[in-house]
Amino acid sequence: MPLSVEYQDDDVVVTSRNPLKGLLPLASEEEDVELSLDKETAELLMSALLEFIMAGEGGDMPKISIGRR
């Protein structure tokens, strides 16, 4: 059964800068876990989160905008 976790507004712990690697702490009722990140995984996660945010409607419309010059 999948473990349901929540983001607790923690910072990513950078464990290496070259290559870029880190840990994102997440919490559940059963245990705390850390999501391992590298540059590619972080970029994919940001893309997925941006798609999620942009799907909001009504009162959940995104408050961010991406401008182009």
Protein backbone atom coordinates (compact mmCIF):
# COMPACT_ATOMS: atom_id res chain seq x y z
CA MET A 1 0.00 0.00 0.00
CA PRO A 2 1.41 3.44 -0.91
CA LEU A 3 2.56 5.69 1.90
CA SER A 4 0.73 9.05 1.96
CA VAL A 5 3.12 11.89 2.81
CA GLU A 6 2.85 15.66 3.13
CA TYR A 7 5.23 18.49 2.40
CA GLN A 8 5.91 20.38 5.65
CA ASP A 9 7.37 23.62 4.23
CA ASP A 10 10.95 22.44 4.78
CA ASP A 11 13.92 23.44 2.68
CA VAL A 12 15.70 21.02 0.39
CA VAL A 13 18.88 19.82 2.10
CA VAL A 14 21.67 20.13 -0.48
CA THR A 15 24.00 17.17 -0.10
CA SER A 16 26.18 17.87 -3.15
CA ARG A 17 26.59 20.86 -5.44
CA ASN A 18 28.45 19.12 -8.26
CA PRO A 19 26.66 16.94 -9.18
CA LEU A 20 23.62 18.67 -7.68
CA LYS A 21 21.87 16.35 -5.20
CA GLY A 22 19.61 16.88 -2.21
CA LEU A 23 16.91 15.58 0.11
CA LEU A 24 13.38 16.94 0.57
CA PRO A 25 11.90 16.00 3.96
CA LEU A 26 8.29 14.74 3.87
CA ALA A 27 6.07 13.64 6.78
CA SER A 28 3.39 11.00 7.27
CA GLU A 29 1.47 9.69 10.26
CA GLU A 30 3.61 6.53 10.26
CA GLU A 31 7.08 7.91 9.59
CA ASP A 32 9.10 10.74 8.11
CA VAL A 33 10.73 10.15 4.74
CA GLU A 34 13.15 12.03 2.49
CA LEU A 35 12.72 12.39 -1.26
CA SER A 36 16.10 12.09 -2.98
CA LEU A 37 16.62 14.69 -5.67
CA ASP A 38 19.12 15.30 -8.41
CA LYS A 39 19.00 18.12 -10.97
CA GLU A 40 17.00 16.14 -13.54
CA THR A 41 14.47 14.86 -10.98
CA ALA A 42 14.04 18.35 -9.48
CA GLU A 43 13.38 19.84 -12.93
CA LEU A 44 10.79 17.12 -13.70
CA LEU A 45 9.12 17.68 -10.32
CA MET A 46 8.98 21.45 -10.90
CA SER A 47 7.39 20.86 -14.32
CA ALA A 48 4.76 18.51 -12.85
CA LEU A 49 3.99 20.95 -10.01
CA LEU A 50 3.65 23.85 -12.45
CA GLU A 51 1.19 21.83 -14.57
CA PHE A 52 -0.78 21.06 -11.40
CA ILE A 53 -0.87 24.73 -10.32
CA MET A 54 -1.94 25.87 -13.79
CA ALA A 55 -4.91 23.45 -13.72
CA GLY A 56 -6.61 25.45 -10.94
CA GLU A 57 -9.88 27.23 -11.69
CA GLY A 58 -12.03 29.82 -9.91
CA GLY A 59 -10.65 30.57 -6.44
CA ASP A 60 -7.85 28.07 -7.09
CA MET A 61 -6.52 29.84 -10.19
CA PRO A 62 -2.76 30.31 -10.01
CA LYS A 63 -1.44 33.49 -8.44
CA ILE A 64 1.78 33.29 -10.44
CA SER A 65 2.38 34.32 -14.00
CA ILE A 66 5.15 33.55 -16.41
CA GLY A 67 5.97 36.57 -18.52
CA ARG A 68 7.86 36.70 -21.76
CA ARG A 69 9.71 39.67 -23.18
